[in-house]
Amino acid sequence: MGVFANEREQALLVGRFKPGDLVKIRDGTHAAEIPDHRVGMVIERGEASGNYTEAYTVVFLGTDIHLKFHEMFLEHFTSS
């Protein structure tokens, strides 16, 4: 039982995204710098602040634009 509790605790400490993940900025999220394709790669995981979710720095594909987003504004990118 102790191992199971430790595994649960570790799962809570791991972020939803990691550097290298391709992400899409959710529709309805607005910033003038976001390109039309809204796709980027996570390059850095930041710290959660207060009641907010973790923040991640994203570089947008085909650009040198780096922006920081809380995880609630990100989704994993999958081609369809």
PDB file of N, CA and C in Angstrom:
ATOM      1  N   MET A   1       0.819  -1.200   0.000  1.00  0.00           N
ATOM      2  CA  MET A   1       0.000   0.000   0.000  1.00  0.00           C
ATOM      3  C   MET A   1       0.857   1.256   0.000  1.00  0.00           C
ATOM      4  N   GLY A   2       1.974   1.252   0.718  1.00  0.00           N
ATOM      5  CA  GLY A   2       2.843   2.420   0.754  1.00  0.00           C
ATOM      6  C   GLY A   2       3.369   2.786  -0.620  1.00  0.00           C
ATOM      7  N   VAL A   3       3.699   1.786  -1.422  1.00  0.00           N
ATOM      8  CA  VAL A   3       4.211   2.052  -2.759  1.00  0.00           C
ATOM      9  C   VAL A   3       3.125   2.694  -3.618  1.00  0.00           C
ATOM     10  N   PHE A   4       1.898   2.197  -3.526  1.00  0.00           N
ATOM     11  CA  PHE A   4       0.798   2.752  -4.299  1.00  0.00           C
ATOM     12  C   PHE A   4       0.578   4.222  -3.958  1.00  0.00           C
ATOM     13  N   ALA A   5       0.588   4.558  -2.669  1.00  0.00           N
ATOM     14  CA  ALA A   5       0.398   5.944  -2.247  1.00  0.00           C
ATOM     15  C   ALA A   5       1.522   6.810  -2.808  1.00  0.00           C
ATOM     16  N   ASN A   6       2.758   6.314  -2.792  1.00  0.00           N
ATOM     17  CA  ASN A   6       3.887   7.068  -3.317  1.00  0.00           C
ATOM     18  C   ASN A   6       3.732   7.278  -4.824  1.00  0.00           C
ATOM     19  N   GLU A   7       3.286   6.268  -5.552  1.00  0.00           N
ATOM     20  CA  GLU A   7       3.080   6.400  -6.991  1.00  0.00           C
ATOM     21  C   GLU A   7       2.009   7.443  -7.293  1.00  0.00           C
ATOM     22  N   ARG A   8       0.949   7.472  -6.522  1.00  0.00           N
ATOM     23  CA  ARG A   8      -0.102   8.480  -6.713  1.00  0.00           C
ATOM     24  C   ARG A   8       0.450   9.871  -6.475  1.00  0.00           C
ATOM     25  N   GLU A   9       1.238  10.009  -5.423  1.00  0.00           N
ATOM     26  CA  GLU A   9       1.834  11.307  -5.112  1.00  0.00           C
ATOM     27  C   GLU A   9       2.751  11.755  -6.247  1.00  0.00           C
ATOM     28  N   GLN A  10       3.561  10.849  -6.771  1.00  0.00           N
ATOM     29  CA  GLN A  10       4.464  11.183  -7.866  1.00  0.00           C
ATOM     30  C   GLN A  10       3.684  11.569  -9.116  1.00  0.00           C
ATOM     31  N   ALA A  11       2.582  10.911  -9.382  1.00  0.00           N
ATOM     32  CA  ALA A  11       1.771  11.221 -10.558  1.00  0.00           C
ATOM     33  C   ALA A  11       1.230  12.647 -10.473  1.00  0.00           C
ATOM     34  N   LEU A  12       0.897  13.092  -9.268  1.00  0.00           N
ATOM     35  CA  LEU A  12       0.384  14.445  -9.094  1.00  0.00           C
ATOM     36  C   LEU A  12       1.473  15.495  -9.308  1.00  0.00           C
ATOM     37  N   LEU A  13       2.728  15.120  -9.076  1.00  0.00           N
ATOM     38  CA  LEU A  13       3.824  16.064  -9.218  1.00  0.00           C
ATOM     39  C   LEU A  13       4.294  16.219 -10.661  1.00  0.00           C
ATOM     40  N   VAL A  14       3.953  15.278 -11.519  1.00  0.00           N
ATOM     41  CA  VAL A  14       4.375  15.322 -12.916  1.00  0.00           C
ATOM     42  C   VAL A  14       3.412  16.209 -13.696  1.00  0.00           C
ATOM     43  N   GLY A  15       3.956  17.127 -14.493  1.00  0.00           N
ATOM     44  CA  GLY A  15       3.117  18.018 -15.286  1.00  0.00           C
ATOM     45  C   GLY A  15       2.434  17.286 -16.423  1.00  0.00           C
ATOM     46  N   ARG A  16       1.441  17.917 -16.957  1.00  0.00           N
ATOM     47  CA  ARG A  16       0.675  17.324 -18.053  1.00  0.00           C
ATOM     48  C   ARG A  16       1.483  17.341 -19.356  1.00  0.00           C
ATOM     49  N   PHE A  17       2.369  18.319 -19.490  1.00  0.00           N
ATOM     50  CA  PHE A  17       3.197  18.458 -20.685  1.00  0.00           C
ATOM     51  C   PHE A  17       4.660  18.437 -20.273  1.00  0.00           C
ATOM     52  N   LYS A  18       5.522  18.112 -21.238  1.00  0.00           N
ATOM     53  CA  LYS A  18       6.958  18.118 -20.960  1.00  0.00           C
ATOM     54  C   LYS A  18       7.680  18.763 -22.136  1.00  0.00           C
ATOM     55  N   PRO A  19       8.888  19.269 -21.915  1.00  0.00           N
ATOM     56  CA  PRO A  19       9.637  19.861 -23.026  1.00  0.00           C
ATOM     57  C   PRO A  19       9.733  18.883 -24.196  1.00  0.00           C
ATOM     58  N   GLY A  20       9.498  19.401 -25.396  1.00  0.00           N
ATOM     59  CA  GLY A  20       9.504  18.580 -26.604  1.00  0.00           C
ATOM     60  C   GLY A  20       8.116  18.209 -27.084  1.00  0.00           C
ATOM     61  N   ASP A  21       7.101  18.330 -26.230  1.00  0.00           N
ATOM     62  CA  ASP A  21       5.726  18.013 -26.642  1.00  0.00           C
ATOM     63  C   ASP A  21       5.211  19.052 -27.635  1.00  0.00           C
ATOM     64  N   LEU A  22       4.527  18.577 -28.678  1.00  0.00           N
ATOM     65  CA  LEU A  22       3.835  19.477 -29.588  1.00  0.00           C
ATOM     66  C   LEU A  22       2.465  19.790 -28.999  1.00  0.00           C
ATOM     67  N   VAL A  23       2.120  21.071 -28.983  1.00  0.00           N
ATOM     68  CA  VAL A  23       0.857  21.503 -28.396  1.00  0.00           C
ATOM     69  C   VAL A  23       0.152  22.466 -29.334  1.00  0.00           C
ATOM     70  N   LYS A  24      -1.143  22.575 -29.128  1.00  0.00           N
ATOM     71  CA  LYS A  24      -1.944  23.572 -29.837  1.00  0.00           C
ATOM     72  C   LYS A  24      -2.576  24.462 -28.783  1.00  0.00           C
ATOM     73  N   ILE A  25      -2.562  25.751 -29.045  1.00  0.00           N
ATOM     74  CA  ILE A  25      -3.213  26.688 -28.132  1.00  0.00           C
ATOM     75  C   ILE A  25      -4.717  26.566 -28.368  1.00  0.00           C
ATOM     76  N   ARG A  26      -5.459  26.385 -27.300  1.00  0.00           N
ATOM     77  CA  ARG A  26      -6.908  26.174 -27.416  1.00  0.00           C
ATOM     78  C   ARG A  26      -7.598  27.362 -28.094  1.00  0.00           C
ATOM     79  N   ASP A  27      -8.602  27.039 -28.896  1.00  0.00           N
ATOM     80  CA  ASP A  27      -9.431  28.083 -29.501  1.00  0.00           C
ATOM     81  C   ASP A  27     -10.033  28.920 -28.383  1.00  0.00           C
ATOM     82  N   GLY A  28     -10.159  30.203 -28.610  1.00  0.00           N
ATOM     83  CA  GLY A  28     -10.697  31.101 -27.593  1.00  0.00           C
ATOM     84  C   GLY A  28      -9.604  31.740 -26.749  1.00  0.00           C
ATOM     85  N   THR A  29      -8.356  31.280 -26.896  1.00  0.00           N
ATOM     86  CA  THR A  29      -7.221  31.878 -26.201  1.00  0.00           C
ATOM     87  C   THR A  29      -6.661  32.955 -27.117  1.00  0.00           C
ATOM     88  N   HIS A  30      -6.569  34.178 -26.617  1.00  0.00           N
ATOM     89  CA  HIS A  30      -6.176  35.285 -27.471  1.00  0.00           C
ATOM     90  C   HIS A  30      -4.882  35.929 -27.005  1.00  0.00           C
ATOM     91  N   ALA A  31      -3.993  36.149 -27.941  1.00  0.00           N
ATOM     92  CA  ALA A  31      -2.786  36.962 -27.784  1.00  0.00           C
ATOM     93  C   ALA A  31      -2.401  37.366 -29.194  1.00  0.00           C
ATOM     94  N   ALA A  32      -2.061  38.616 -29.385  1.00  0.00           N
ATOM     95  CA  ALA A  32      -1.768  39.127 -30.728  1.00  0.00           C
ATOM     96  C   ALA A  32      -0.636  38.358 -31.402  1.00  0.00           C
ATOM     97  N   GLU A  33       0.291  37.819 -30.614  1.00  0.00           N
ATOM     98  CA  GLU A  33       1.466  37.157 -31.176  1.00  0.00           C
ATOM     99  C   GLU A  33       1.224  35.721 -31.630  1.00  0.00           C
ATOM    100  N   ILE A  34       0.095  35.115 -31.280  1.00  0.00           N
ATOM    101  CA  ILE A  34      -0.163  33.717 -31.636  1.00  0.00           C
ATOM    102  C   ILE A  34      -0.379  33.610 -33.143  1.00  0.00           C
ATOM    103  N   PRO A  35       0.436  32.771 -33.835  1.00  0.00           N
ATOM    104  CA  PRO A  35       0.222  32.599 -35.280  1.00  0.00           C
ATOM    105  C   PRO A  35      -1.094  31.860 -35.564  1.00  0.00           C
ATOM    106  N   ASP A  36      -1.577  31.978 -36.786  1.00  0.00           N
ATOM    107  CA  ASP A  36      -2.862  31.367 -37.166  1.00  0.00           C
ATOM    108  C   ASP A  36      -2.894  29.859 -36.932  1.00  0.00           C
ATOM    109  N   HIS A  37      -1.771  29.171 -37.122  1.00  0.00           N
ATOM    110  CA  HIS A  37      -1.774  27.707 -36.964  1.00  0.00           C
ATOM    111  C   HIS A  37      -1.835  27.267 -35.498  1.00  0.00           C
ATOM    112  N   ARG A  38      -1.487  28.133 -34.557  1.00  0.00           N
ATOM    113  CA  ARG A  38      -1.622  27.911 -33.108  1.00  0.00           C
ATOM    114  C   ARG A  38      -0.830  26.711 -32.583  1.00  0.00           C
ATOM    115  N   VAL A  39       0.140  26.206 -33.350  1.00  0.00           N
ATOM    116  CA  VAL A  39       0.889  25.009 -32.963  1.00  0.00           C
ATOM    117  C   VAL A  39       2.306  25.382 -32.556  1.00  0.00           C
ATOM    118  N   GLY A  40       2.750  24.801 -31.459  1.00  0.00           N
ATOM    119  CA  GLY A  40       4.098  25.059 -30.987  1.00  0.00           C
ATOM    120  C   GLY A  40       4.659  23.877 -30.229  1.00  0.00           C
ATOM    121  N   MET A  41       5.868  24.069 -29.713  1.00  0.00           N
ATOM    122  CA  MET A  41       6.535  23.031 -28.941  1.00  0.00           C
ATOM    123  C   MET A  41       6.859  23.582 -27.561  1.00  0.00           C
ATOM    124  N   VAL A  42       6.573  22.789 -26.542  1.00  0.00           N
ATOM    125  CA  VAL A  42       6.923  23.159 -25.175  1.00  0.00           C
ATOM    126  C   VAL A  42       8.440  23.126 -25.053  1.00  0.00           C
ATOM    127  N   ILE A  43       9.025  24.228 -24.575  1.00  0.00           N
ATOM    128  CA  ILE A  43      10.472  24.247 -24.388  1.00  0.00           C
ATOM    129  C   ILE A  43      10.870  24.364 -22.926  1.00  0.00           C
ATOM    130  N   GLU A  44       9.900  24.710 -22.070  1.00  0.00           N
ATOM    131  CA  GLU A  44      10.235  24.873 -20.657  1.00  0.00           C
ATOM    132  C   GLU A  44       8.973  24.754 -19.816  1.00  0.00           C
ATOM    133  N   ARG A  45       9.130  24.104 -18.685  1.00  0.00           N
ATOM    134  CA  ARG A  45       8.031  23.991 -17.726  1.00  0.00           C
ATOM    135  C   ARG A  45       8.276  24.985 -16.618  1.00  0.00           C
ATOM    136  N   GLY A  46       7.261  25.795 -16.324  1.00  0.00           N
ATOM    137  CA  GLY A  46       7.372  26.777 -15.258  1.00  0.00           C
ATOM    138  C   GLY A  46       6.700  26.278 -13.992  1.00  0.00           C
ATOM    139  N   GLU A  47       6.583  27.145 -13.042  1.00  0.00           N
ATOM    140  CA  GLU A  47       5.967  26.808 -11.765  1.00  0.00           C
ATOM    141  C   GLU A  47       4.508  27.256 -11.741  1.00  0.00           C
ATOM    142  N   ALA A  48       3.697  26.503 -11.043  1.00  0.00           N
ATOM    143  CA  ALA A  48       2.317  26.917 -10.819  1.00  0.00           C
ATOM    144  C   ALA A  48       2.342  28.061  -9.817  1.00  0.00           C
ATOM    145  N   SER A  49       1.430  29.003  -9.975  1.00  0.00           N
ATOM    146  CA  SER A  49       1.381  30.123  -9.048  1.00  0.00           C
ATOM    147  C   SER A  49      -0.020  30.214  -8.452  1.00  0.00           C
ATOM    148  N   GLY A  50      -0.083  30.191  -7.152  1.00  0.00           N
ATOM    149  CA  GLY A  50      -1.370  30.302  -6.475  1.00  0.00           C
ATOM    150  C   GLY A  50      -2.318  29.187  -6.873  1.00  0.00           C
ATOM    151  N   ASN A  51      -3.509  29.539  -7.306  1.00  0.00           N
ATOM    152  CA  ASN A  51      -4.523  28.562  -7.703  1.00  0.00           C
ATOM    153  C   ASN A  51      -4.452  28.206  -9.175  1.00  0.00           C
ATOM    154  N   TYR A  52      -3.469  28.748  -9.892  1.00  0.00           N
ATOM    155  CA  TYR A  52      -3.370  28.506 -11.323  1.00  0.00           C
ATOM    156  C   TYR A  52      -2.667  27.191 -11.617  1.00  0.00           C
ATOM    157  N   THR A  53      -2.887  26.690 -12.828  1.00  0.00           N
ATOM    158  CA  THR A  53      -2.225  25.480 -13.286  1.00  0.00           C
ATOM    159  C   THR A  53      -0.782  25.812 -13.641  1.00  0.00           C
ATOM    160  N   GLU A  54       0.001  24.778 -13.942  1.00  0.00           N
ATOM    161  CA  GLU A  54       1.390  25.000 -14.307  1.00  0.00           C
ATOM    162  C   GLU A  54       1.489  25.813 -15.586  1.00  0.00           C
ATOM    163  N   ALA A  55       2.574  26.561 -15.707  1.00  0.00           N
ATOM    164  CA  ALA A  55       2.816  27.369 -16.899  1.00  0.00           C
ATOM    165  C   ALA A  55       3.915  26.715 -17.729  1.00  0.00           C
ATOM    166  N   TYR A  56       3.827  26.886 -19.037  1.00  0.00           N
ATOM    167  CA  TYR A  56       4.805  26.318 -19.955  1.00  0.00           C
ATOM    168  C   TYR A  56       5.196  27.383 -20.969  1.00  0.00           C
ATOM    169  N   THR A  57       6.477  27.407 -21.337  1.00  0.00           N
ATOM    170  CA  THR A  57       6.930  28.278 -22.413  1.00  0.00           C
ATOM    171  C   THR A  57       6.828  27.497 -23.711  1.00  0.00           C
ATOM    172  N   VAL A  58       6.192  28.115 -24.699  1.00  0.00           N
ATOM    173  CA  VAL A  58       5.949  27.478 -25.996  1.00  0.00           C
ATOM    174  C   VAL A  58       6.619  28.314 -27.079  1.00  0.00           C
ATOM    175  N   VAL A  59       7.357  27.651 -27.984  1.00  0.00           N
ATOM    176  CA  VAL A  59       7.877  28.312 -29.184  1.00  0.00           C
ATOM    177  C   VAL A  59       7.017  27.829 -30.345  1.00  0.00           C
ATOM    178  N   PHE A  60       6.512  28.776 -31.135  1.00  0.00           N
ATOM    179  CA  PHE A  60       5.607  28.427 -32.229  1.00  0.00           C
ATOM    180  C   PHE A  60       6.383  27.963 -33.444  1.00  0.00           C
ATOM    181  N   LEU A  61       5.890  26.909 -34.077  1.00  0.00           N
ATOM    182  CA  LEU A  61       6.556  26.317 -35.234  1.00  0.00           C
ATOM    183  C   LEU A  61       6.715  27.343 -36.352  1.00  0.00           C
ATOM    184  N   GLY A  62       7.902  27.362 -36.949  1.00  0.00           N
ATOM    185  CA  GLY A  62       8.181  28.258 -38.060  1.00  0.00           C
ATOM    186  C   GLY A  62       8.428  29.696 -37.653  1.00  0.00           C
ATOM    187  N   THR A  63       8.534  29.961 -36.348  1.00  0.00           N
ATOM    188  CA  THR A  63       8.748  31.327 -35.860  1.00  0.00           C
ATOM    189  C   THR A  63       9.797  31.306 -34.754  1.00  0.00           C
ATOM    190  N   ASP A  64      10.148  32.483 -34.277  1.00  0.00           N
ATOM    191  CA  ASP A  64      10.983  32.569 -33.076  1.00  0.00           C
ATOM    192  C   ASP A  64      10.178  33.174 -31.920  1.00  0.00           C
ATOM    193  N   ILE A  65       8.860  33.056 -32.005  1.00  0.00           N
ATOM    194  CA  ILE A  65       7.958  33.591 -30.983  1.00  0.00           C
ATOM    195  C   ILE A  65       7.886  32.621 -29.808  1.00  0.00           C
ATOM    196  N   HIS A  66       8.216  33.109 -28.613  1.00  0.00           N
ATOM    197  CA  HIS A  66       8.140  32.344 -27.370  1.00  0.00           C
ATOM    198  C   HIS A  66       7.091  33.002 -26.482  1.00  0.00           C
ATOM    199  N   LEU A  67       6.083  32.242 -26.066  1.00  0.00           N
ATOM    200  CA  LEU A  67       5.065  32.759 -25.156  1.00  0.00           C
ATOM    201  C   LEU A  67       4.847  31.757 -24.025  1.00  0.00           C
ATOM    202  N   LYS A  68       4.371  32.253 -22.897  1.00  0.00           N
ATOM    203  CA  LYS A  68       4.110  31.395 -21.744  1.00  0.00           C
ATOM    204  C   LYS A  68       2.593  31.254 -21.567  1.00  0.00           C
ATOM    205  N   PHE A  69       2.156  30.004 -21.352  1.00  0.00           N
ATOM    206  CA  PHE A  69       0.737  29.710 -21.172  1.00  0.00           C
ATOM    207  C   PHE A  69       0.544  28.784 -19.978  1.00  0.00           C
ATOM    208  N   HIS A  70      -0.542  28.978 -19.256  1.00  0.00           N
ATOM    209  CA  HIS A  70      -0.940  28.000 -18.250  1.00  0.00           C
ATOM    210  C   HIS A  70      -1.506  26.790 -18.980  1.00  0.00           C
ATOM    211  N   GLU A  71      -1.361  25.610 -18.375  1.00  0.00           N
ATOM    212  CA  GLU A  71      -1.736  24.367 -19.064  1.00  0.00           C
ATOM    213  C   GLU A  71      -3.200  24.311 -19.479  1.00  0.00           C
ATOM    214  N   MET A  72      -4.062  25.081 -18.818  1.00  0.00           N
ATOM    215  CA  MET A  72      -5.478  25.058 -19.187  1.00  0.00           C
ATOM    216  C   MET A  72      -5.724  25.622 -20.587  1.00  0.00           C
ATOM    217  N   PHE A  73      -4.731  26.339 -21.154  1.00  0.00           N
ATOM    218  CA  PHE A  73      -4.864  26.910 -22.487  1.00  0.00           C
ATOM    219  C   PHE A  73      -4.203  26.048 -23.560  1.00  0.00           C
ATOM    220  N   LEU A  74      -3.635  24.903 -23.164  1.00  0.00           N
ATOM    221  CA  LEU A  74      -2.909  24.040 -24.083  1.00  0.00           C
ATOM    222  C   LEU A  74      -3.608  22.704 -24.248  1.00  0.00           C
ATOM    223  N   GLU A  75      -3.429  22.113 -25.422  1.00  0.00           N
ATOM    224  CA  GLU A  75      -3.870  20.733 -25.644  1.00  0.00           C
ATOM    225  C   GLU A  75      -2.793  20.052 -26.471  1.00  0.00           C
ATOM    226  N   HIS A  76      -2.673  18.733 -26.311  1.00  0.00           N
ATOM    227  CA  HIS A  76      -1.693  17.998 -27.104  1.00  0.00           C
ATOM    228  C   HIS A  76      -2.077  18.094 -28.568  1.00  0.00           C
ATOM    229  N   PHE A  77      -1.069  18.315 -29.433  1.00  0.00           N
ATOM    230  CA  PHE A  77      -1.326  18.417 -30.866  1.00  0.00           C
ATOM    231  C   PHE A  77      -1.304  17.042 -31.492  1.00  0.00           C
ATOM    232  N   THR A  78      -2.341  16.732 -32.236  1.00  0.00           N
ATOM    233  CA  THR A  78      -2.400  15.507 -33.023  1.00  0.00           C
ATOM    234  C   THR A  78      -2.867  15.869 -34.407  1.00  0.00           C
ATOM    235  N   SER A  79      -2.219  15.340 -35.406  1.00  0.00           N
ATOM    236  CA  SER A  79      -2.654  15.629 -36.781  1.00  0.00           C
ATOM    237  C   SER A  79      -3.862  14.759 -37.106  1.00  0.00           C
ATOM    238  N   SER A  80      -4.800  15.312 -37.828  1.00  0.00           N
ATOM    239  CA  SER A  80      -5.988  14.532 -38.186  1.00  0.00           C
ATOM    240  C   SER A  80      -6.401  14.791 -39.598  1.00  0.00           C
TER     241      SER A  80
END
